[in-house]
Amino acid sequence: VQLVESGGGLVQAGGSLRLSCAASGFIVSVNDMEWYRQAPGKQRERVATISTIGTTGYADSVKGRFAISRDNAKNTVYLQMNSLKPEDTAVYYCHRLGGLNWGQGTQVTVSS
């Protein structure tokens, strides 16, 4: 099982980024998938989920700005992030619900 996140970077406040999570060793479409983030000195928090039937859920802090999706053919999960704020700065991780494995994460830095 492997999760490889990509797409992070440095962006100005108000900008957008799309994160990708390429999964191997399991099929994302038959698993609930999640995006988490961890800012320096803070606990890891879940920001978005997508269920096997496509139901999505978001933390209040990102609702209306972030969108989780998946491409079954590519076995990849995405996180579209719009209207980014400095407080969105964190390392972002994708995760399979109930799984033990985590990827290396991708750094998102939002400048004011």
Protein backbone atom coordinates (compact mmCIF):
# COMPACT_ATOMS: atom_id res chain seq x y z
CA VAL A 1 0.00 0.00 0.00
CA GLN A 2 1.40 3.36 -1.01
CA LEU A 3 0.05 6.90 -1.08
CA VAL A 4 1.95 9.61 -2.93
CA GLU A 5 0.77 13.20 -2.53
CA SER A 6 1.79 15.98 -4.90
CA GLY A 7 0.73 19.40 -6.08
CA GLY A 8 1.63 21.52 -3.10
CA GLY A 9 3.57 24.75 -3.33
CA LEU A 10 3.71 28.41 -2.46
CA VAL A 11 0.69 30.50 -3.41
CA GLN A 12 -0.63 33.93 -2.51
CA ALA A 13 -3.75 34.34 -0.45
CA GLY A 14 -6.80 34.00 -2.66
CA GLY A 15 -5.05 31.60 -4.99
CA SER A 16 -5.75 27.97 -5.83
CA LEU A 17 -3.96 24.65 -5.81
CA ARG A 18 -4.98 21.13 -6.71
CA LEU A 19 -3.43 18.33 -4.71
CA SER A 20 -3.19 14.79 -6.03
CA CYS A 21 -2.88 11.51 -4.18
CA ALA A 22 -1.84 8.54 -6.27
CA ALA A 23 -2.69 5.28 -4.56
CA SER A 24 -1.25 1.84 -5.17
CA GLY A 25 -1.87 -1.50 -3.53
CA PHE A 26 -5.58 -0.87 -3.10
CA ILE A 27 -8.50 0.57 -5.05
CA VAL A 28 -9.63 4.05 -4.01
CA SER A 29 -13.14 3.65 -5.41
CA VAL A 30 -13.99 0.92 -2.88
CA ASN A 31 -12.55 2.79 0.07
CA ASP A 32 -13.53 5.94 1.91
CA MET A 33 -10.70 8.39 1.36
CA GLU A 34 -9.68 11.42 3.38
CA TRP A 35 -7.43 14.46 3.22
CA TYR A 36 -5.76 15.66 6.40
CA ARG A 37 -3.46 18.55 7.12
CA GLN A 38 -0.99 19.34 9.84
CA ALA A 39 0.30 22.81 10.55
CA PRO A 40 3.46 23.40 12.62
CA GLY A 41 2.78 22.88 16.30
CA LYS A 42 -0.77 21.69 15.69
CA GLN A 43 -2.52 18.34 15.61
CA ARG A 44 -3.32 16.69 12.33
CA GLU A 45 -6.88 17.55 11.31
CA ARG A 46 -9.16 16.00 8.74
CA VAL A 47 -10.34 18.47 6.14
CA ALA A 48 -12.23 16.40 3.55
CA THR A 49 -13.67 12.95 2.98
CA ILE A 50 -15.18 11.06 0.06
CA SER A 51 -17.12 7.87 0.50
CA THR A 52 -17.33 4.90 -1.82
CA ILE A 53 -20.61 6.26 -3.19
CA GLY A 54 -19.20 9.72 -3.69
CA THR A 55 -20.60 11.45 -0.64
CA THR A 56 -18.27 14.24 0.44
CA GLY A 57 -17.72 15.97 3.75
CA TYR A 58 -15.64 18.94 4.82
CA ALA A 59 -14.32 20.62 7.91
CA ASP A 60 -16.08 23.89 8.62
CA SER A 61 -12.82 25.75 8.06
CA VAL A 62 -12.65 24.71 4.40
CA LYS A 63 -16.30 24.23 3.47
CA GLY A 64 -17.17 26.10 0.30
CA ARG A 65 -13.50 26.50 -0.67
CA PHE A 66 -12.14 22.96 -0.97
CA ALA A 67 -13.47 20.07 -3.05
CA ILE A 68 -12.45 16.42 -2.85
CA SER A 69 -12.83 14.13 -5.84
CA ARG A 70 -11.38 10.98 -7.31
CA ASP A 71 -10.51 9.53 -10.69
CA ASN A 72 -11.17 5.81 -10.55
CA ALA A 73 -9.31 5.14 -13.79
CA LYS A 74 -6.18 6.74 -12.36
CA ASN A 75 -6.75 5.41 -8.84
CA THR A 76 -6.13 8.95 -7.64
CA VAL A 77 -7.81 11.28 -5.17
CA TYR A 78 -7.73 15.04 -5.55
CA LEU A 79 -8.21 18.07 -3.35
CA GLN A 80 -9.07 21.28 -5.18
CA MET A 81 -8.32 24.22 -2.92
CA ASN A 82 -9.65 27.67 -3.81
CA SER A 83 -9.64 31.03 -2.04
CA LEU A 84 -6.64 29.92 -0.02
CA LYS A 85 -5.84 31.65 3.23
CA PRO A 86 -2.59 31.87 5.22
CA GLU A 87 -4.17 29.62 7.85
CA ASP A 88 -4.39 26.86 5.24
CA THR A 89 -0.60 26.57 5.39
CA ALA A 90 0.20 22.98 6.37
CA VAL A 91 1.46 19.65 5.15
CA TYR A 92 -1.41 17.85 3.45
CA TYR A 93 -1.83 14.08 3.55
CA CYS A 94 -4.29 11.69 1.99
CA HIS A 95 -5.40 8.61 3.85
CA ARG A 96 -7.57 5.57 3.44
CA LEU A 97 -10.16 5.40 6.20
CA GLY A 98 -9.07 2.69 8.62
CA GLY A 99 -5.70 2.27 6.95
CA LEU A 100 -2.34 2.31 8.66
CA ASN A 101 -0.30 3.85 5.87
CA TRP A 102 0.37 7.53 5.32
CA GLY A 103 2.19 9.20 2.48
CA GLN A 104 4.97 11.72 2.82
CA GLY A 105 2.56 14.62 2.44
CA THR A 106 2.82 17.73 0.32
CA GLN A 107 3.59 21.18 1.68
CA VAL A 108 1.14 24.00 1.04
CA THR A 109 2.25 27.50 1.96
CA VAL A 110 -0.09 30.46 1.56
CA SER A 111 1.45 33.91 1.80
CA SER A 112 -0.52 36.95 2.89
